[in-house]
Amino acid sequence: MFDDNVLKVGSNEMELVDFRIFKQENDHVYEGIYGVNVAKVREIIKIPNLTELPGVPEYVEGIFDLRGVVIPVVNLAKWMNIKEPEEKSLKPRIIIAEFSNILIGFIVHEAKRIRRISWDDIEPASFATGVGALDRSQITGVTRIENDEVLLILDLESVVEELGIYKPKVDESETEPEKISGTALILDDSTIARKLVHDALNKMGLKVVEARDGAEGIEKMNELYEAYGDSLEKELRIIVSDVEMPRMDGFHFAANMKEDPRFARIPIVFNSSISDHFSEIRGKEAGGEAYLTKFDASVFYKEVFKVIKAHIKAPE
């Protein structure tokens, strides 16, 4: 559905699927404007016949088979505790999204368009106001569009977590990872994700510095350079960065690092729930040494260790 002629690496822009959820309050119907990253959307389809499941939350409408893959379907209005309009003029669709190699469908009332938005224009969820029935933990960002309307970028991954479909694989490695001295920098706007990566890097023997997005990541890099000077490359073993972050995304951050001679040789590994092949390609174009899908500890240890070792052995 979506072509690959999209964003240039380092552009600090994202593309969103703009969709609508309508809310009934007394005799009025209100339109809610929401978005999800195009990179996480596989396709948008009409609602097929669904098979109901017993013992699941009310917002799970059922499952269906999509070309041999069984996909659970979530009614977003119910998940957000929104009363749906009684009128029958809606044209509901299912957005098929993929998180960490898991497919899940989301019923929306209308799929409008694709928007290209600068990360500079997206405020973190902590600044969200007037979000109604939504909890701020269900929002990854807020941006204004035409007519000064507000678009909320939903954290649809939290639905996957609520359903228990996805669990980070943190206990699969039976042996301790090899130890490496030095420091690592983590960039991720998710507190849970930062903790998982922080603990994994600590287990490898690394000290950890954290940042919540690319802009803060640049600040941390400058602070580290002030502390270590030209020896930073030997101290800072690796940067582990998420891709989706407010203010500055991971690709734009990486492009900044590779253009700065002070930081250009420090390896970057992307660690994201966006699991499409095109994002892996963009990660390499941005200068990443590896692209990992959140979160399998054994894979993380193996790939991060390999990248660090290659960097240590690289000629000056």
C-alpha atoms as a PDB file:
ATOM      1  CA  MET A   1       0.000   0.000   0.000  1.00  0.00           C
ATOM      2  CA  PHE A   2       2.816   2.386   0.867  1.00  0.00           C
ATOM      3  CA  ASP A   3       5.703   2.945  -1.552  1.00  0.00           C
ATOM      4  CA  ASP A   4       9.332   3.273  -0.532  1.00  0.00           C
ATOM      5  CA  ASN A   5       9.726   6.756  -1.997  1.00  0.00           C
ATOM      6  CA  VAL A   6       9.382   8.311   1.409  1.00  0.00           C
ATOM      7  CA  LEU A   7      11.613  10.172   3.806  1.00  0.00           C
ATOM      8  CA  LYS A   8      15.254  10.924   3.311  1.00  0.00           C
ATOM      9  CA  VAL A   9      17.475   9.680   6.106  1.00  0.00           C
ATOM     10  CA  GLY A  10      18.300  12.511   8.482  1.00  0.00           C
ATOM     11  CA  SER A  11      15.297  14.610   7.451  1.00  0.00           C
ATOM     12  CA  ASN A  12      13.879  14.470  11.011  1.00  0.00           C
ATOM     13  CA  GLU A  13      10.411  13.889   9.612  1.00  0.00           C
ATOM     14  CA  MET A  14       7.940  11.081  10.026  1.00  0.00           C
ATOM     15  CA  GLU A  15       4.901   9.986   8.059  1.00  0.00           C
ATOM     16  CA  LEU A  16       1.658   9.291   9.855  1.00  0.00           C
ATOM     17  CA  VAL A  17      -1.528   7.528   8.852  1.00  0.00           C
ATOM     18  CA  ASP A  18      -4.196  10.045   9.890  1.00  0.00           C
ATOM     19  CA  PHE A  19      -7.326   8.272  11.115  1.00  0.00           C
ATOM     20  CA  ARG A  20     -10.466   9.317  12.940  1.00  0.00           C
ATOM     21  CA  ILE A  21     -12.459   8.042  15.921  1.00  0.00           C
ATOM     22  CA  PHE A  22     -15.867   9.627  16.475  1.00  0.00           C
ATOM     23  CA  LYS A  23     -17.377  10.083  19.921  1.00  0.00           C
ATOM     24  CA  GLN A  24     -21.061  10.352  20.832  1.00  0.00           C
ATOM     25  CA  GLU A  25     -21.921  12.765  23.658  1.00  0.00           C
ATOM     26  CA  ASN A  26     -25.630  13.383  24.158  1.00  0.00           C
ATOM     27  CA  ASP A  27     -26.874  14.652  20.778  1.00  0.00           C
ATOM     28  CA  HIS A  28     -23.457  15.629  19.460  1.00  0.00           C
ATOM     29  CA  VAL A  29     -20.791  13.683  17.603  1.00  0.00           C
ATOM     30  CA  TYR A  30     -17.188  14.784  18.030  1.00  0.00           C
ATOM     31  CA  GLU A  31     -14.302  13.881  15.755  1.00  0.00           C
ATOM     32  CA  GLY A  32     -11.032  12.707  17.275  1.00  0.00           C
ATOM     33  CA  ILE A  33      -7.914  12.981  15.104  1.00  0.00           C
ATOM     34  CA  TYR A  34      -5.219  10.368  15.630  1.00  0.00           C
ATOM     35  CA  GLY A  35      -2.134   9.042  13.933  1.00  0.00           C
ATOM     36  CA  VAL A  36       0.240   6.083  13.773  1.00  0.00           C
ATOM     37  CA  ASN A  37       3.655   5.869  12.120  1.00  0.00           C
ATOM     38  CA  VAL A  38       3.403   4.671   8.504  1.00  0.00           C
ATOM     39  CA  ALA A  39       6.409   2.423   9.116  1.00  0.00           C
ATOM     40  CA  LYS A  40       4.275   0.346  11.486  1.00  0.00           C
ATOM     41  CA  VAL A  41       1.313   0.010   9.085  1.00  0.00           C
ATOM     42  CA  ARG A  42       1.222  -2.964   6.727  1.00  0.00           C
ATOM     43  CA  GLU A  43      -2.122  -2.235   5.061  1.00  0.00           C
ATOM     44  CA  ILE A  44      -5.626  -0.823   5.590  1.00  0.00           C
ATOM     45  CA  ILE A  45      -8.601  -3.056   4.763  1.00  0.00           C
ATOM     46  CA  LYS A  46     -12.374  -3.235   5.077  1.00  0.00           C
ATOM     47  CA  ILE A  47     -13.626  -5.144   8.099  1.00  0.00           C
ATOM     48  CA  PRO A  48     -13.826  -8.865   7.266  1.00  0.00           C
ATOM     49  CA  ASN A  49     -15.904 -11.499   9.023  1.00  0.00           C
ATOM     50  CA  LEU A  50     -14.450 -11.874  12.512  1.00  0.00           C
ATOM     51  CA  THR A  51     -14.429 -14.928  14.756  1.00  0.00           C
ATOM     52  CA  GLU A  52     -15.232 -14.007  18.337  1.00  0.00           C
ATOM     53  CA  LEU A  53     -13.024 -15.241  21.146  1.00  0.00           C
ATOM     54  CA  PRO A  54     -14.236 -16.126  24.639  1.00  0.00           C
ATOM     55  CA  GLY A  55     -12.564 -14.688  27.710  1.00  0.00           C
ATOM     56  CA  VAL A  56     -10.871 -11.709  26.056  1.00  0.00           C
ATOM     57  CA  PRO A  57     -11.229  -7.997  26.896  1.00  0.00           C
ATOM     58  CA  GLU A  58     -14.332  -6.287  25.524  1.00  0.00           C
ATOM     59  CA  TYR A  59     -12.263  -4.199  23.117  1.00  0.00           C
ATOM     60  CA  VAL A  60     -11.048  -7.317  21.283  1.00  0.00           C
ATOM     61  CA  GLU A  61     -13.624  -7.848  18.545  1.00  0.00           C
ATOM     62  CA  GLY A  62     -12.237 -11.199  17.384  1.00  0.00           C
ATOM     63  CA  ILE A  63      -9.719 -12.692  14.982  1.00  0.00           C
ATOM     64  CA  PHE A  64      -9.483 -13.298  11.236  1.00  0.00           C
ATOM     65  CA  ASP A  65      -7.155 -14.994   8.795  1.00  0.00           C
ATOM     66  CA  LEU A  66      -5.086 -12.721   6.561  1.00  0.00           C
ATOM     67  CA  ARG A  67      -3.252 -14.785   3.965  1.00  0.00           C
ATOM     68  CA  GLY A  68      -2.508 -17.545   6.421  1.00  0.00           C
ATOM     69  CA  VAL A  69      -1.782 -15.320   9.438  1.00  0.00           C
ATOM     70  CA  VAL A  70      -4.305 -15.174  12.294  1.00  0.00           C
ATOM     71  CA  ILE A  71      -4.681 -11.572  13.394  1.00  0.00           C
ATOM     72  CA  PRO A  72      -6.446 -10.291  16.537  1.00  0.00           C
ATOM     73  CA  VAL A  73      -8.601  -7.198  16.017  1.00  0.00           C
ATOM     74  CA  VAL A  74      -8.967  -4.400  18.568  1.00  0.00           C
ATOM     75  CA  ASN A  75     -11.772  -1.833  18.522  1.00  0.00           C
ATOM     76  CA  LEU A  76      -9.860   1.365  19.268  1.00  0.00           C
ATOM     77  CA  ALA A  77     -12.949   3.284  20.401  1.00  0.00           C
ATOM     78  CA  LYS A  78     -13.666   0.626  23.044  1.00  0.00           C
ATOM     79  CA  TRP A  79     -10.008   0.499  24.081  1.00  0.00           C
ATOM     80  CA  MET A  80     -10.085   4.273  24.612  1.00  0.00           C
ATOM     81  CA  ASN A  81     -13.423   4.069  26.493  1.00  0.00           C
ATOM     82  CA  ILE A  82     -15.133   6.186  23.843  1.00  0.00           C
ATOM     83  CA  LYS A  83     -18.859   5.862  23.211  1.00  0.00           C
ATOM     84  CA  GLU A  84     -19.291   5.248  19.493  1.00  0.00           C
ATOM     85  CA  PRO A  85     -21.916   7.199  17.491  1.00  0.00           C
ATOM     86  CA  GLU A  86     -25.265   5.541  16.862  1.00  0.00           C
ATOM     87  CA  GLU A  87     -25.314   6.690  13.234  1.00  0.00           C
ATOM     88  CA  LYS A  88     -24.520   4.123  10.552  1.00  0.00           C
ATOM     89  CA  SER A  89     -22.773   6.453   8.088  1.00  0.00           C
ATOM     90  CA  LEU A  90     -19.277   5.622   9.323  1.00  0.00           C
ATOM     91  CA  LYS A  91     -16.871   3.825   7.004  1.00  0.00           C
ATOM     92  CA  PRO A  92     -14.837   1.757   9.448  1.00  0.00           C
ATOM     93  CA  ARG A  93     -11.555   0.219   8.386  1.00  0.00           C
ATOM     94  CA  ILE A  94      -8.958  -2.037   9.950  1.00  0.00           C
ATOM     95  CA  ILE A  95      -5.408  -0.759  10.160  1.00  0.00           C
ATOM     96  CA  ILE A  96      -3.056  -3.749  10.131  1.00  0.00           C
ATOM     97  CA  ALA A  97       0.000  -2.765  12.156  1.00  0.00           C
ATOM     98  CA  GLU A  98       3.183  -4.601  13.037  1.00  0.00           C
ATOM     99  CA  PHE A  99       5.107  -4.235  16.284  1.00  0.00           C
ATOM    100  CA  SER A 100       8.184  -6.332  17.061  1.00  0.00           C
ATOM    101  CA  ASN A 101       7.198  -8.810  14.312  1.00  0.00           C
ATOM    102  CA  ILE A 102       3.630  -9.151  15.666  1.00  0.00           C
ATOM    103  CA  LEU A 103       0.619  -8.269  13.476  1.00  0.00           C
ATOM    104  CA  ILE A 104      -2.511  -6.802  15.035  1.00  0.00           C
ATOM    105  CA  GLY A 105      -5.583  -5.081  13.543  1.00  0.00           C
ATOM    106  CA  PHE A 106      -7.165  -1.875  14.825  1.00  0.00           C
ATOM    107  CA  ILE A 107     -10.714  -0.820  13.937  1.00  0.00           C
ATOM    108  CA  VAL A 108     -10.950   2.908  13.194  1.00  0.00           C
ATOM    109  CA  HIS A 109     -13.982   4.892  12.033  1.00  0.00           C
ATOM    110  CA  GLU A 110     -12.228   6.475   9.058  1.00  0.00           C
ATOM    111  CA  ALA A 111      -8.744   6.392   7.515  1.00  0.00           C
ATOM    112  CA  LYS A 112      -8.106   9.838   6.046  1.00  0.00           C
ATOM    113  CA  ARG A 113      -4.652  10.376   4.609  1.00  0.00           C
ATOM    114  CA  ILE A 114      -0.892  10.180   5.079  1.00  0.00           C
ATOM    115  CA  ARG A 115       0.758  13.197   6.701  1.00  0.00           C
ATOM    116  CA  ARG A 116       4.423  14.148   6.719  1.00  0.00           C
ATOM    117  CA  ILE A 117       5.321  15.911   9.958  1.00  0.00           C
ATOM    118  CA  SER A 118       8.579  17.207  11.386  1.00  0.00           C
ATOM    119  CA  TRP A 119       9.595  15.758  14.734  1.00  0.00           C
ATOM    120  CA  ASP A 120      10.288  19.368  15.762  1.00  0.00           C
ATOM    121  CA  ASP A 121       6.513  19.954  15.634  1.00  0.00           C
ATOM    122  CA  ILE A 122       5.671  16.978  17.839  1.00  0.00           C
ATOM    123  CA  GLU A 123       5.402  17.571  21.576  1.00  0.00           C
ATOM    124  CA  PRO A 124       5.990  14.715  24.025  1.00  0.00           C
ATOM    125  CA  ALA A 125       2.917  13.155  25.612  1.00  0.00           C
ATOM    126  CA  SER A 126       3.828  14.761  28.934  1.00  0.00           C
ATOM    127  CA  PHE A 127       2.735  18.101  27.466  1.00  0.00           C
ATOM    128  CA  ALA A 128      -0.590  16.783  26.179  1.00  0.00           C
ATOM    129  CA  THR A 129      -3.673  18.615  27.409  1.00  0.00           C
ATOM    130  CA  GLY A 130      -7.336  17.979  26.846  1.00  0.00           C
ATOM    131  CA  VAL A 131      -6.925  14.382  25.744  1.00  0.00           C
ATOM    132  CA  GLY A 132     -10.262  13.313  27.184  1.00  0.00           C
ATOM    133  CA  ALA A 133     -10.682   9.617  27.908  1.00  0.00           C
ATOM    134  CA  LEU A 134      -7.078   8.838  26.984  1.00  0.00           C
ATOM    135  CA  ASP A 135      -4.355   8.316  29.513  1.00  0.00           C
ATOM    136  CA  ARG A 136      -1.134  10.118  28.620  1.00  0.00           C
ATOM    137  CA  SER A 137       0.668   6.776  28.694  1.00  0.00           C
ATOM    138  CA  GLN A 138      -1.391   5.835  25.610  1.00  0.00           C
ATOM    139  CA  ILE A 139      -0.001   8.794  23.617  1.00  0.00           C
ATOM    140  CA  THR A 140       3.494   9.060  22.155  1.00  0.00           C
ATOM    141  CA  GLY A 141       3.158  12.637  20.953  1.00  0.00           C
ATOM    142  CA  VAL A 142       0.919  15.558  20.047  1.00  0.00           C
ATOM    143  CA  THR A 143       1.048  17.855  17.017  1.00  0.00           C
ATOM    144  CA  ARG A 144      -1.093  20.597  15.531  1.00  0.00           C
ATOM    145  CA  ILE A 145      -2.457  20.391  11.996  1.00  0.00           C
ATOM    146  CA  GLU A 146      -4.601  22.679   9.835  1.00  0.00           C
ATOM    147  CA  ASN A 147      -7.272  24.859  11.471  1.00  0.00           C
ATOM    148  CA  ASP A 148      -5.226  24.600  14.684  1.00  0.00           C
ATOM    149  CA  GLU A 149      -6.631  21.130  15.347  1.00  0.00           C
ATOM    150  CA  VAL A 150      -4.725  18.641  17.479  1.00  0.00           C
ATOM    151  CA  LEU A 151      -3.592  15.217  16.260  1.00  0.00           C
ATOM    152  CA  LEU A 152      -2.700  12.639  18.902  1.00  0.00           C
ATOM    153  CA  ILE A 153      -0.119   9.993  18.022  1.00  0.00           C
ATOM    154  CA  LEU A 154      -1.321   6.844  19.750  1.00  0.00           C
ATOM    155  CA  ASP A 155       0.908   4.299  21.451  1.00  0.00           C
ATOM    156  CA  LEU A 156      -0.754   1.273  19.874  1.00  0.00           C
ATOM    157  CA  GLU A 157       2.037  -0.920  21.240  1.00  0.00           C
ATOM    158  CA  SER A 158       0.505  -0.548  24.682  1.00  0.00           C
ATOM    159  CA  VAL A 159      -2.486  -2.548  23.405  1.00  0.00           C
ATOM    160  CA  VAL A 160      -0.141  -5.379  22.484  1.00  0.00           C
ATOM    161  CA  GLU A 161       1.345  -5.260  25.975  1.00  0.00           C
ATOM    162  CA  GLU A 162      -2.097  -5.172  27.636  1.00  0.00           C
ATOM    163  CA  LEU A 163      -3.178  -8.253  25.712  1.00  0.00           C
ATOM    164  CA  GLY A 164      -0.031 -10.124  26.715  1.00  0.00           C
ATOM    165  CA  ILE A 165       0.704 -10.934  23.061  1.00  0.00           C
ATOM    166  CA  TYR A 166       4.251  -9.649  23.288  1.00  0.00           C
ATOM    167  CA  LYS A 167       6.676 -10.209  26.135  1.00  0.00           C
ATOM    168  CA  PRO A 168      10.308  -9.113  25.999  1.00  0.00           C
ATOM    169  CA  LYS A 169      12.629 -12.122  25.929  1.00  0.00           C
ATOM    170  CA  VAL A 170      14.861 -11.224  28.834  1.00  0.00           C
ATOM    171  CA  ASP A 171      15.632 -14.625  30.382  1.00  0.00           C
ATOM    172  CA  GLU A 172      16.598 -16.763  27.414  1.00  0.00           C
ATOM    173  CA  SER A 173      20.376 -16.445  27.739  1.00  0.00           C
ATOM    174  CA  GLU A 174      21.556 -19.174  30.099  1.00  0.00           C
ATOM    175  CA  THR A 175      25.122 -17.837  30.270  1.00  0.00           C
ATOM    176  CA  GLU A 176      26.393 -14.466  31.333  1.00  0.00           C
ATOM    177  CA  PRO A 177      27.337 -12.224  28.412  1.00  0.00           C
ATOM    178  CA  GLU A 178      30.990 -11.411  27.880  1.00  0.00           C
ATOM    179  CA  LYS A 179      32.175  -8.376  29.822  1.00  0.00           C
ATOM    180  CA  ILE A 180      33.323  -5.145  28.219  1.00  0.00           C
ATOM    181  CA  SER A 181      34.528  -2.060  30.067  1.00  0.00           C
ATOM    182  CA  GLY A 182      33.497   1.441  29.100  1.00  0.00           C
ATOM    183  CA  THR A 183      30.316   3.475  28.669  1.00  0.00           C
ATOM    184  CA  ALA A 184      27.178   3.152  26.552  1.00  0.00           C
ATOM    185  CA  LEU A 185      24.566   5.769  25.613  1.00  0.00           C
ATOM    186  CA  ILE A 186      20.868   4.827  25.352  1.00  0.00           C
ATOM    187  CA  LEU A 187      18.265   6.906  23.507  1.00  0.00           C
ATOM    188  CA  ASP A 188      14.629   5.943  24.020  1.00  0.00           C
ATOM    189  CA  ASP A 189      11.505   7.850  25.036  1.00  0.00           C
ATOM    190  CA  SER A 190      10.052   4.738  26.717  1.00  0.00           C
ATOM    191  CA  THR A 191      10.992   4.314  30.377  1.00  0.00           C
ATOM    192  CA  ILE A 192      10.372   0.557  30.159  1.00  0.00           C
ATOM    193  CA  ALA A 193      12.529   0.176  27.041  1.00  0.00           C
ATOM    194  CA  ARG A 194      15.342   2.216  28.574  1.00  0.00           C
ATOM    195  CA  LYS A 195      15.330  -0.002  31.659  1.00  0.00           C
ATOM    196  CA  LEU A 196      15.499  -3.200  29.586  1.00  0.00           C
ATOM    197  CA  VAL A 197      18.436  -1.908  27.550  1.00  0.00           C
ATOM    198  CA  HIS A 198      20.100  -0.327  30.603  1.00  0.00           C
ATOM    199  CA  ASP A 199      19.989  -3.633  32.501  1.00  0.00           C
ATOM    200  CA  ALA A 200      21.309  -5.561  29.499  1.00  0.00           C
ATOM    201  CA  LEU A 201      24.247  -3.184  28.999  1.00  0.00           C
ATOM    202  CA  ASN A 202      25.018  -3.210  32.736  1.00  0.00           C
ATOM    203  CA  LYS A 203      25.113  -6.993  32.561  1.00  0.00           C
ATOM    204  CA  MET A 204      27.746  -6.665  29.853  1.00  0.00           C
ATOM    205  CA  GLY A 205      29.850  -4.537  32.231  1.00  0.00           C
ATOM    206  CA  LEU A 206      29.123  -1.137  30.674  1.00  0.00           C
ATOM    207  CA  LYS A 207      28.265   2.078  32.484  1.00  0.00           C
ATOM    208  CA  VAL A 208      25.140   3.651  30.999  1.00  0.00           C
ATOM    209  CA  VAL A 209      24.116   7.210  30.159  1.00  0.00           C
ATOM    210  CA  GLU A 210      20.461   7.762  29.175  1.00  0.00           C
ATOM    211  CA  ALA A 211      18.627  10.224  26.913  1.00  0.00           C
ATOM    212  CA  ARG A 212      14.918  10.429  26.093  1.00  0.00           C
ATOM    213  CA  ASP A 213      15.252  11.531  22.458  1.00  0.00           C
ATOM    214  CA  GLY A 214      17.741  12.573  19.812  1.00  0.00           C
ATOM    215  CA  ALA A 215      17.936  16.193  20.956  1.00  0.00           C
ATOM    216  CA  GLU A 216      18.824  15.153  24.491  1.00  0.00           C
ATOM    217  CA  GLY A 217      21.167  12.544  23.015  1.00  0.00           C
ATOM    218  CA  ILE A 218      23.187  15.306  21.325  1.00  0.00           C
ATOM    219  CA  GLU A 219      23.351  17.151  24.662  1.00  0.00           C
ATOM    220  CA  LYS A 220      24.654  14.002  26.373  1.00  0.00           C
ATOM    221  CA  MET A 221      27.246  13.474  23.635  1.00  0.00           C
ATOM    222  CA  ASN A 222      28.560  17.012  24.096  1.00  0.00           C
ATOM    223  CA  GLU A 223      28.747  16.470  27.859  1.00  0.00           C
ATOM    224  CA  LEU A 224      30.643  13.230  27.347  1.00  0.00           C
ATOM    225  CA  TYR A 225      33.068  14.960  25.000  1.00  0.00           C
ATOM    226  CA  GLU A 226      33.692  17.660  27.604  1.00  0.00           C
ATOM    227  CA  ALA A 227      34.499  14.914  30.114  1.00  0.00           C
ATOM    228  CA  TYR A 228      36.678  12.673  27.908  1.00  0.00           C
ATOM    229  CA  GLY A 229      37.835  14.882  25.038  1.00  0.00           C
ATOM    230  CA  ASP A 230      39.433  13.077  22.116  1.00  0.00           C
ATOM    231  CA  SER A 231      39.597   9.846  24.144  1.00  0.00           C
ATOM    232  CA  LEU A 232      35.768   9.610  24.059  1.00  0.00           C
ATOM    233  CA  GLU A 233      35.907   7.135  21.181  1.00  0.00           C
ATOM    234  CA  LYS A 234      37.775   4.659  23.408  1.00  0.00           C
ATOM    235  CA  GLU A 235      35.450   5.240  26.379  1.00  0.00           C
ATOM    236  CA  LEU A 236      32.038   5.333  24.682  1.00  0.00           C
ATOM    237  CA  ARG A 237      31.746   1.830  23.269  1.00  0.00           C
ATOM    238  CA  ILE A 238      28.319   2.062  21.702  1.00  0.00           C
ATOM    239  CA  ILE A 239      25.140   4.108  21.222  1.00  0.00           C
ATOM    240  CA  VAL A 240      21.828   2.200  21.340  1.00  0.00           C
ATOM    241  CA  SER A 241      19.018   4.287  19.860  1.00  0.00           C
ATOM    242  CA  ASP A 242      15.292   3.927  19.379  1.00  0.00           C
ATOM    243  CA  VAL A 243      13.902   5.217  16.075  1.00  0.00           C
ATOM    244  CA  GLU A 244      10.581   6.861  17.027  1.00  0.00           C
ATOM    245  CA  MET A 245      11.205   9.700  19.496  1.00  0.00           C
ATOM    246  CA  PRO A 246       9.759  13.211  19.904  1.00  0.00           C
ATOM    247  CA  ARG A 247      11.806  16.308  18.971  1.00  0.00           C
ATOM    248  CA  MET A 248      14.433  14.283  17.082  1.00  0.00           C
ATOM    249  CA  ASP A 249      14.161  10.704  15.842  1.00  0.00           C
ATOM    250  CA  GLY A 250      16.933   8.112  15.881  1.00  0.00           C
ATOM    251  CA  PHE A 251      17.803   8.377  12.183  1.00  0.00           C
ATOM    252  CA  HIS A 252      18.240  12.155  12.375  1.00  0.00           C
ATOM    253  CA  PHE A 253      20.329  11.796  15.547  1.00  0.00           C
ATOM    254  CA  ALA A 254      22.552   9.211  13.838  1.00  0.00           C
ATOM    255  CA  ALA A 255      23.009  11.435  10.790  1.00  0.00           C
ATOM    256  CA  ASN A 256      24.130  14.237  13.116  1.00  0.00           C
ATOM    257  CA  MET A 257      26.628  11.924  14.807  1.00  0.00           C
ATOM    258  CA  LYS A 258      28.149  10.712  11.538  1.00  0.00           C
ATOM    259  CA  GLU A 259      28.571  14.299  10.306  1.00  0.00           C
ATOM    260  CA  ASP A 260      30.415  15.343  13.489  1.00  0.00           C
ATOM    261  CA  PRO A 261      34.114  14.347  13.350  1.00  0.00           C
ATOM    262  CA  ARG A 262      34.205  14.044  17.137  1.00  0.00           C
ATOM    263  CA  PHE A 263      31.590  11.260  17.094  1.00  0.00           C
ATOM    264  CA  ALA A 264      31.618   9.806  13.587  1.00  0.00           C
ATOM    265  CA  ARG A 265      33.481   6.603  14.506  1.00  0.00           C
ATOM    266  CA  ILE A 266      31.368   5.694  17.547  1.00  0.00           C
ATOM    267  CA  PRO A 267      29.109   2.743  16.568  1.00  0.00           C
ATOM    268  CA  ILE A 268      25.332   3.082  16.641  1.00  0.00           C
ATOM    269  CA  VAL A 269      22.837   0.232  16.975  1.00  0.00           C
ATOM    270  CA  PHE A 270      19.137   0.905  16.385  1.00  0.00           C
ATOM    271  CA  ASN A 271      16.735  -0.877  18.734  1.00  0.00           C
ATOM    272  CA  SER A 272      13.116  -0.393  17.630  1.00  0.00           C
ATOM    273  CA  SER A 273       9.688  -1.992  17.594  1.00  0.00           C
ATOM    274  CA  ILE A 274       9.438  -0.990  13.906  1.00  0.00           C
ATOM    275  CA  SER A 275      10.236  -4.294  12.253  1.00  0.00           C
ATOM    276  CA  ASP A 276       9.882  -3.590   8.532  1.00  0.00           C
ATOM    277  CA  HIS A 277      12.736  -4.194   6.097  1.00  0.00           C
ATOM    278  CA  PHE A 278      12.694  -0.616   4.794  1.00  0.00           C
ATOM    279  CA  SER A 279      13.472   0.746   8.271  1.00  0.00           C
ATOM    280  CA  GLU A 280      16.473  -1.589   8.441  1.00  0.00           C
ATOM    281  CA  ILE A 281      17.689  -0.106   5.150  1.00  0.00           C
ATOM    282  CA  ARG A 282      17.173   3.428   6.448  1.00  0.00           C
ATOM    283  CA  GLY A 283      19.079   2.491   9.598  1.00  0.00           C
ATOM    284  CA  LYS A 284      22.102   1.461   7.541  1.00  0.00           C
ATOM    285  CA  GLU A 285      21.846   4.617   5.418  1.00  0.00           C
ATOM    286  CA  ALA A 286      21.849   6.675   8.623  1.00  0.00           C
ATOM    287  CA  GLY A 287      25.101   5.027   9.680  1.00  0.00           C
ATOM    288  CA  GLY A 288      23.865   2.317  12.028  1.00  0.00           C
ATOM    289  CA  GLU A 289      26.000  -0.789  12.401  1.00  0.00           C
ATOM    290  CA  ALA A 290      22.969  -2.950  13.247  1.00  0.00           C
ATOM    291  CA  TYR A 291      19.169  -2.770  13.438  1.00  0.00           C
ATOM    292  CA  LEU A 292      17.495  -4.811  16.185  1.00  0.00           C
ATOM    293  CA  THR A 293      13.813  -5.411  16.868  1.00  0.00           C
ATOM    294  CA  LYS A 294      12.779  -4.968  20.520  1.00  0.00           C
ATOM    295  CA  PHE A 295      13.504  -6.997  22.608  1.00  0.00           C
ATOM    296  CA  ASP A 296      15.295 -10.348  22.713  1.00  0.00           C
ATOM    297  CA  ALA A 297      18.122 -10.245  25.269  1.00  0.00           C
ATOM    298  CA  SER A 298      20.152 -13.082  23.732  1.00  0.00           C
ATOM    299  CA  VAL A 299      20.063 -11.444  20.274  1.00  0.00           C
ATOM    300  CA  PHE A 300      20.816  -8.062  21.831  1.00  0.00           C
ATOM    301  CA  TYR A 301      23.919  -9.355  23.659  1.00  0.00           C
ATOM    302  CA  LYS A 302      25.211 -11.135  20.568  1.00  0.00           C
ATOM    303  CA  GLU A 303      24.784  -8.228  18.151  1.00  0.00           C
ATOM    304  CA  VAL A 304      25.941  -5.485  20.505  1.00  0.00           C
ATOM    305  CA  PHE A 305      29.025  -7.470  21.505  1.00  0.00           C
ATOM    306  CA  LYS A 306      29.836  -8.108  17.828  1.00  0.00           C
ATOM    307  CA  VAL A 307      29.535  -4.411  16.971  1.00  0.00           C
ATOM    308  CA  ILE A 308      31.689  -3.317  19.913  1.00  0.00           C
ATOM    309  CA  LYS A 309      34.387  -5.896  19.155  1.00  0.00           C
ATOM    310  CA  ALA A 310      34.500  -4.834  15.499  1.00  0.00           C
ATOM    311  CA  HIS A 311      34.882  -1.209  16.595  1.00  0.00           C
ATOM    312  CA  ILE A 312      37.698  -2.050  19.027  1.00  0.00           C
ATOM    313  CA  LYS A 313      39.589  -3.957  16.316  1.00  0.00           C
ATOM    314  CA  ALA A 314      39.036  -1.301  13.640  1.00  0.00           C
ATOM    315  CA  PRO A 315      42.213   0.527  12.514  1.00  0.00           C
ATOM    316  CA  GLU A 316      42.705   4.071  13.742  1.00  0.00           C
END
